[in-house]
Amino acid sequence: MPLPVWTCRTVKAVKAVKARTWLVRGRRRRMEPPPWSAAPRARQMISEPPEVMLTQNTSSRVASAAASEEAVSGRHCIRTNQDRWPVARVSGRTWTCTAPASLRRWRRRATVCSETSILLITGANKGLGYETARRLTELGHTVYVGARAPGRGRDAAEMLGARFVRIDVTDQAAVDAAVETIRQAEGRLDVLVNNAGISGAFIPAPQIGAEEMQRVYDTNVFGVVRVTEAFIPLLEASDHPVIVNIGSGTGSMGIVTDPARGEFKLPALSYGSSKAAVTMLTIQYSKALPHFKVNVVEPGFTATDLNGHRGHQTVAEGAEAIVAMAPVGPGGPTGTFQDRDGSVPW
């Protein structure tokens, strides 16, 4: 008998999730949490999108509609089609859910490895970094929460069930110490997410001096270079190394010159130019490291401390593109600029 595969289907709003019940064929039925985690956050994960229904299908039915398995460089991977998105695989069962429509175009070609990956996310004690760490931890990956403040970093890691490593991207000694910590504990790094960044002053360009530019660049640009250069040897030890840089629409030449976009009127000399530099870093690293997958993502205008929580997106929406790019395998893209809707103009 083939092992059953569980899939998720979006249905109309069901408020029974908090009561640990699910709508099944119009009736509420009590269900146990997934076998790979008894934590409350596991139930929260499979309820994203917030209204889902679980149905059990035979593997033959799902194989034709959801995923096919293959060996890639000796690792067990799941190749997704345009409709399904693997979440986790435990004891012969694969938990999957519908992928966001905006990400289906390149997911048709992407290979997502189901083997547990080791990830480092800088600036992960809050905001987009924290949400990304939460989502990837729930997918079963080993996530290192990188933060410069030990207290807040450890608290965040404990809440997520992740691991903490102190890292200050503006301090080469702290970066080197983080490399050594992960080297001793893991021996490799599969995914590096360069998330740490600061906003700078959003004031007219003539009022920005060299000191302010240097302060913003030290974190947003030179910090990316410090961390990437230091972790390349550990990434080289991975079968499929991935680097995800966090960009911004304010750093896109195509967006900031479009009068229809909000970024057109935004005075962001230091922040915008630093993110434009990050996109160029991404291109240069992707060309110099052809066996890596190096991409830059635009989370969108997300409500975080960086913008005083004025963004129109939630952190869950903002993290979608980051979470999508982090586990890409050998069939995934490289040298691209993506947001949750697809490609972004350079």
Protein backbone atom coordinates (compact mmCIF):
# COMPACT_ATOMS: atom_id res chain seq x y z
CA MET A 1 0.00 0.00 0.00
CA PRO A 2 1.40 3.41 -0.88
CA LEU A 3 1.82 5.75 2.04
CA PRO A 4 -0.80 8.52 2.22
CA VAL A 5 0.11 12.10 1.48
CA TRP A 6 -1.64 15.00 3.14
CA THR A 7 -2.42 18.13 1.13
CA CYS A 8 -4.03 21.45 1.97
CA ARG A 9 -6.87 23.09 0.09
CA THR A 10 -8.11 26.61 0.57
CA VAL A 11 -11.75 26.82 1.63
CA LYS A 12 -14.04 29.50 2.99
CA ALA A 13 -13.27 31.14 6.30
CA VAL A 14 -13.33 28.77 9.22
CA LYS A 15 -12.97 30.21 12.68
CA ALA A 16 -12.56 26.79 14.29
CA VAL A 17 -8.76 26.70 13.99
CA LYS A 18 -8.30 28.13 17.47
CA ALA A 19 -10.56 25.39 18.83
CA ARG A 20 -8.32 22.82 17.13
CA THR A 21 -11.08 21.72 14.79
CA TRP A 22 -11.24 21.75 11.01
CA LEU A 23 -14.10 22.04 8.54
CA VAL A 24 -14.45 18.71 6.77
CA ARG A 25 -17.25 18.39 4.20
CA GLY A 26 -19.27 21.10 5.88
CA ARG A 27 -18.94 19.71 9.42
CA ARG A 28 -16.48 20.56 12.16
CA ARG A 29 -14.30 17.67 13.21
CA ARG A 30 -11.56 17.54 15.79
CA MET A 31 -8.09 16.84 14.41
CA GLU A 32 -4.73 16.20 16.03
CA PRO A 33 -1.76 18.45 15.20
CA PRO A 34 0.64 17.22 12.52
CA PRO A 35 2.88 14.30 13.60
CA TRP A 36 6.13 16.21 13.12
CA SER A 37 5.37 18.84 15.77
CA ALA A 38 3.06 19.16 18.72
CA ALA A 39 3.84 22.84 19.19
CA PRO A 40 1.05 25.41 18.79
CA ARG A 41 3.03 27.16 16.07
CA ALA A 42 2.79 24.00 13.94
CA ARG A 43 -0.99 24.31 13.91
CA GLN A 44 -0.57 28.00 13.10
CA MET A 45 1.70 27.13 10.19
CA ILE A 46 -0.68 24.73 8.53
CA SER A 47 -3.43 27.29 8.93
CA GLU A 48 -1.57 29.69 6.61
CA PRO A 49 -3.43 30.66 4.46
CA PRO A 50 -5.62 31.01 7.57
CA GLU A 51 -8.49 28.94 6.24
CA VAL A 52 -7.50 25.47 5.09
CA MET A 53 -9.00 22.01 4.94
CA LEU A 54 -6.91 18.85 5.24
CA THR A 55 -7.77 15.92 3.03
CA GLN A 56 -6.00 12.59 2.76
CA ASN A 57 -5.22 11.29 -0.72
CA THR A 58 -3.34 8.32 -2.01
CA SER A 59 0.20 9.02 -3.17
CA SER A 60 -0.75 8.15 -6.74
CA ARG A 61 -3.39 10.88 -6.85
CA VAL A 62 -1.09 13.49 -5.34
CA ALA A 63 1.87 12.49 -7.47
CA SER A 64 -0.04 13.44 -10.59
CA ALA A 65 -1.23 16.76 -9.17
CA ALA A 66 1.26 17.83 -6.55
CA ALA A 67 4.86 16.63 -6.64
CA SER A 68 7.30 14.09 -7.93
CA GLU A 69 10.40 12.96 -6.08
CA GLU A 70 13.88 12.57 -7.43
CA ALA A 71 17.47 12.33 -6.25
CA VAL A 72 19.57 15.43 -6.87
CA SER A 73 23.26 15.11 -6.09
CA GLY A 74 22.54 12.37 -3.59
CA ARG A 75 19.97 14.41 -1.67
CA HIS A 76 16.27 13.63 -1.44
CA CYS A 77 14.39 16.48 -3.06
CA ILE A 78 10.83 17.30 -4.05
CA ARG A 79 10.26 18.93 -7.44
CA THR A 80 7.16 21.06 -7.27
CA ASN A 81 4.76 21.96 -10.02
CA GLN A 82 2.85 25.22 -10.30
CA ASP A 83 0.13 24.25 -7.83
CA ARG A 84 1.77 22.70 -4.78
CA TRP A 85 4.37 23.83 -2.31
CA PRO A 86 6.08 21.28 -0.01
CA VAL A 87 6.05 22.12 3.67
CA ALA A 88 7.62 19.16 5.45
CA ARG A 89 8.20 15.44 5.07
CA VAL A 90 8.11 13.10 8.07
CA SER A 91 7.90 9.30 8.16
CA GLY A 92 6.93 8.98 4.54
CA ARG A 93 4.33 11.74 4.59
CA THR A 94 4.57 15.10 2.87
CA TRP A 95 2.62 18.09 4.15
CA THR A 96 1.95 20.45 1.27
CA CYS A 97 -0.12 23.55 0.64
CA THR A 98 -1.06 25.74 -2.27
CA ALA A 99 1.77 28.06 -3.31
CA PRO A 100 1.06 31.79 -3.65
CA ALA A 101 0.00 32.43 -7.23
CA SER A 102 2.61 35.15 -7.59
CA LEU A 103 5.43 32.66 -7.01
CA ARG A 104 4.24 29.90 -9.35
CA ARG A 105 6.07 31.10 -12.44
CA TRP A 106 9.60 30.30 -11.31
CA ARG A 107 8.53 27.55 -8.90
CA ARG A 108 7.70 25.43 -11.93
CA ARG A 109 11.43 25.11 -12.49
CA ALA A 110 12.64 25.22 -8.89
CA THR A 111 13.75 22.26 -6.84
CA VAL A 112 13.18 22.55 -3.11
CA CYS A 113 15.34 20.20 -1.06
CA SER A 114 13.51 18.46 1.75
CA GLU A 115 16.72 17.69 3.63
CA THR A 116 17.09 19.96 6.62
CA SER A 117 19.14 23.01 5.68
CA ILE A 118 21.29 25.12 7.97
CA LEU A 119 20.48 28.81 7.66
CA LEU A 120 21.80 32.05 9.10
CA ILE A 121 19.57 35.12 9.08
CA THR A 122 21.20 38.36 10.15
CA GLY A 123 19.08 40.88 12.03
CA ALA A 124 16.58 38.16 12.91
CA ASN A 125 15.52 39.20 16.39
CA LYS A 126 12.57 41.24 15.03
CA GLY A 127 10.64 42.29 11.95
CA LEU A 128 11.14 40.51 8.64
CA GLY A 129 14.14 38.59 9.93
CA TYR A 130 12.15 37.20 12.84
CA GLU A 131 9.19 36.22 10.64
CA THR A 132 11.51 34.57 8.11
CA ALA A 133 13.21 32.64 10.90
CA ARG A 134 9.83 31.56 12.26
CA ARG A 135 8.61 30.28 8.92
CA LEU A 136 11.82 28.44 8.07
CA THR A 137 12.10 26.91 11.54
CA GLU A 138 8.57 25.57 11.19
CA LEU A 139 9.56 24.02 7.87
CA GLY A 140 12.05 21.92 9.83
CA HIS A 141 15.26 23.78 8.98
CA THR A 142 18.05 24.56 11.43
CA VAL A 143 17.93 28.34 11.72
CA TYR A 144 20.52 30.56 13.37
CA VAL A 145 19.05 33.85 14.57
CA GLY A 146 21.77 36.41 14.04
CA ALA A 147 21.53 39.50 16.23
CA ARG A 148 23.96 41.97 17.70
CA ALA A 149 22.16 42.26 21.08
CA PRO A 150 22.66 38.94 22.93
CA GLY A 151 19.63 39.36 25.19
CA ARG A 152 17.10 40.06 22.45
CA GLY A 153 18.71 37.55 20.12
CA ARG A 154 18.55 34.70 22.64
CA ASP A 155 14.97 35.56 23.58
CA ALA A 156 13.93 35.51 19.93
CA ALA A 157 15.72 32.21 19.28
CA GLU A 158 14.11 30.58 22.32
CA MET A 159 10.64 31.71 21.24
CA LEU A 160 11.21 30.30 17.75
CA GLY A 161 12.90 27.07 18.74
CA ALA A 162 15.91 28.26 16.74
CA ARG A 163 19.58 28.83 17.64
CA PHE A 164 21.25 32.11 18.46
CA VAL A 165 24.55 33.46 17.22
CA ARG A 166 25.79 36.92 18.01
CA ILE A 167 26.76 38.87 14.93
CA ASP A 168 27.30 42.57 14.33
CA VAL A 169 27.63 43.12 10.58
CA THR A 170 29.60 46.33 11.16
CA ASP A 171 32.26 44.54 13.23
CA GLN A 172 34.63 42.19 11.40
CA ALA A 173 35.71 40.47 14.63
CA ALA A 174 32.08 39.72 15.54
CA VAL A 175 31.44 38.35 12.04
CA ASP A 176 34.50 36.11 12.23
CA ALA A 177 33.41 34.85 15.66
CA ALA A 178 29.96 33.96 14.24
CA VAL A 179 31.62 32.02 11.44
CA GLU A 180 33.66 30.04 13.94
CA THR A 181 30.59 29.32 16.08
CA ILE A 182 28.67 27.84 13.17
CA ARG A 183 31.74 26.05 11.83
CA GLN A 184 32.27 24.24 15.12
CA ALA A 185 28.58 23.40 15.55
CA GLU A 186 27.60 22.47 11.98
CA GLY A 187 30.63 22.32 9.70
CA ARG A 188 28.73 24.03 6.88
CA LEU A 189 26.15 26.66 6.03
CA ASP A 190 23.50 26.05 3.36
CA VAL A 191 21.69 29.39 3.24
CA LEU A 192 22.81 32.90 4.17
CA VAL A 193 20.10 35.58 4.40
CA ASN A 194 21.63 39.06 4.56
CA ASN A 195 18.70 40.74 6.26
CA ALA A 196 20.33 43.20 8.69
CA GLY A 197 19.85 46.80 7.64
CA ILE A 198 19.06 50.33 8.81
CA SER A 199 16.86 52.97 7.21
CA GLY A 200 18.86 56.18 7.47
CA ALA A 201 17.33 59.65 7.20
CA PHE A 202 14.53 60.26 4.68
CA ILE A 203 15.23 63.92 4.05
CA PRO A 204 16.04 65.87 0.85
CA ALA A 205 19.29 64.77 -0.79
CA PRO A 206 21.13 68.12 -0.37
CA GLN A 207 20.77 67.73 3.42
CA ILE A 208 22.53 64.34 3.51
CA GLY A 209 26.23 64.48 4.29
CA ALA A 210 29.03 61.98 3.87
CA GLU A 211 28.86 60.93 7.51
CA GLU A 212 25.23 59.81 7.20
CA MET A 213 25.98 58.00 3.93
CA GLN A 214 28.88 56.17 5.54
CA ARG A 215 26.75 55.16 8.55
CA VAL A 216 24.03 53.63 6.36
CA TYR A 217 26.46 51.99 3.94
CA ASP A 218 28.47 50.44 6.77
CA THR A 219 25.47 48.26 7.64
CA ASN A 220 23.52 47.93 4.39
CA VAL A 221 26.39 47.51 1.94
CA PHE A 222 29.69 46.85 3.68
CA GLY A 223 27.86 44.62 6.17
CA VAL A 224 26.67 42.41 3.32
CA VAL A 225 30.21 42.22 1.97
CA ARG A 226 31.73 41.42 5.39
CA VAL A 227 29.25 38.64 6.14
CA THR A 228 29.23 37.13 2.65
CA GLU A 229 33.01 37.08 2.32
CA ALA A 230 33.43 35.54 5.77
CA PHE A 231 30.83 32.80 5.24
CA ILE A 232 31.78 31.77 1.69
CA PRO A 233 34.07 28.93 2.94
CA LEU A 234 31.22 27.46 5.02
CA LEU A 235 28.79 27.90 2.12
CA GLU A 236 31.26 26.12 -0.16
CA ALA A 237 30.89 23.08 2.11
CA SER A 238 27.18 22.88 1.21
CA ASP A 239 25.89 20.83 -1.71
CA HIS A 240 23.63 23.67 -2.83
CA PRO A 241 24.71 27.01 -1.29
CA VAL A 242 22.23 29.88 -1.36
CA ILE A 243 22.58 33.59 -0.60
CA VAL A 244 19.51 35.80 -0.27
CA ASN A 245 20.06 39.55 -0.07
CA ILE A 246 17.31 41.94 1.00
CA GLY A 247 16.78 44.76 -1.45
CA SER A 248 14.15 47.46 -1.83
CA GLY A 249 12.06 49.15 -4.46
CA THR A 250 13.79 52.37 -3.43
CA GLY A 251 16.96 50.87 -4.89
CA SER A 252 15.36 49.99 -8.25
CA MET A 253 16.15 52.38 -11.10
CA GLY A 254 13.00 51.28 -12.90
CA ILE A 255 10.75 51.91 -9.91
CA VAL A 256 12.11 55.22 -8.58
CA THR A 257 11.87 56.78 -12.07
CA ASP A 258 8.22 55.76 -12.47
CA PRO A 259 5.92 58.63 -11.42
CA ALA A 260 3.12 56.14 -10.75
CA ARG A 261 5.08 54.52 -7.92
CA GLY A 262 5.22 55.78 -4.34
CA GLU A 263 9.01 55.43 -4.33
CA PHE A 264 9.20 58.17 -6.99
CA LYS A 265 8.51 60.90 -4.41
CA LEU A 266 10.43 59.35 -1.51
CA PRO A 267 13.65 61.18 -0.54
CA ALA A 268 15.89 58.18 0.17
CA LEU A 269 19.40 59.13 -0.87
CA SER A 270 21.26 57.05 1.71
CA TYR A 271 18.86 54.12 2.03
CA GLY A 272 17.86 53.91 -1.65
CA SER A 273 21.39 54.13 -2.98
CA SER A 274 22.56 51.52 -0.45
CA LYS A 275 19.89 49.10 -1.69
CA ALA A 276 20.84 49.85 -5.29
CA ALA A 277 24.35 48.81 -4.31
CA VAL A 278 22.98 45.57 -2.83
CA THR A 279 21.39 44.65 -6.17
CA MET A 280 24.75 45.15 -7.89
CA LEU A 281 26.47 43.08 -5.20
CA THR A 282 23.98 40.33 -5.94
CA ILE A 283 24.74 40.37 -9.66
CA GLN A 284 28.49 40.34 -9.12
CA TYR A 285 28.36 37.51 -6.56
CA SER A 286 26.08 35.44 -8.78
CA LYS A 287 28.54 35.79 -11.68
CA ALA A 288 31.59 35.07 -9.52
CA LEU A 289 29.94 32.10 -7.75
CA PRO A 290 28.09 30.21 -10.52
CA HIS A 291 27.60 27.13 -8.29
CA PHE A 292 25.74 29.30 -5.75
CA LYS A 293 22.18 30.59 -5.99
CA VAL A 294 22.45 34.32 -5.24
CA ASN A 295 19.31 36.46 -5.43
CA VAL A 296 17.99 39.73 -4.08
CA VAL A 297 14.40 40.09 -2.94
CA GLU A 298 12.13 43.09 -2.39
CA PRO A 299 9.88 42.41 0.61
CA GLY A 300 7.61 45.37 -0.21
CA PHE A 301 6.41 48.20 2.02
CA THR A 302 6.10 46.13 5.19
CA ALA A 303 5.12 47.40 8.62
CA THR A 304 8.33 47.10 10.66
CA ASP A 305 10.45 49.23 13.00
CA LEU A 306 12.44 50.31 9.94
CA ASN A 307 9.56 52.52 8.73
CA GLY A 308 7.75 53.18 12.01
CA HIS A 309 5.22 50.44 11.15
CA ARG A 310 3.73 52.58 8.37
CA GLY A 311 3.92 49.81 5.77
CA HIS A 312 0.72 48.45 4.24
CA GLN A 313 1.96 44.83 4.30
CA THR A 314 2.20 42.50 7.26
CA VAL A 315 5.52 40.87 8.07
CA ALA A 316 4.01 37.55 6.94
CA GLU A 317 3.39 39.03 3.49
CA GLY A 318 6.77 40.72 3.41
CA ALA A 319 8.60 37.50 4.26
CA GLU A 320 6.99 35.48 1.46
CA ALA A 321 9.64 36.20 -1.15
CA ILE A 322 12.48 35.61 1.31
CA VAL A 323 11.06 32.27 2.45
CA ALA A 324 10.54 31.27 -1.19
CA MET A 325 14.10 32.06 -2.23
CA ALA A 326 15.88 30.59 0.78
CA PRO A 327 15.37 26.85 0.04
CA VAL A 328 15.87 26.89 -3.74
CA GLY A 329 17.83 23.94 -5.06
CA PRO A 330 19.91 23.43 -8.20
CA GLY A 331 16.97 24.14 -10.50
CA GLY A 332 16.18 27.49 -8.92
CA PRO A 333 17.01 30.99 -10.17
CA THR A 334 20.18 32.97 -9.57
CA GLY A 335 21.15 36.57 -10.21
CA THR A 336 17.52 37.73 -10.07
CA PHE A 337 15.57 40.52 -8.35
CA GLN A 338 12.23 39.19 -7.07
CA ASP A 339 9.30 40.21 -4.94
CA ARG A 340 6.17 38.27 -4.01
CA ASP A 341 4.67 39.06 -7.45
CA GLY A 342 7.64 38.00 -9.56
CA SER A 343 10.52 39.90 -11.16
CA VAL A 344 11.36 43.46 -10.11
CA PRO A 345 12.94 46.02 -12.48
CA TRP A 346 16.61 46.64 -11.82
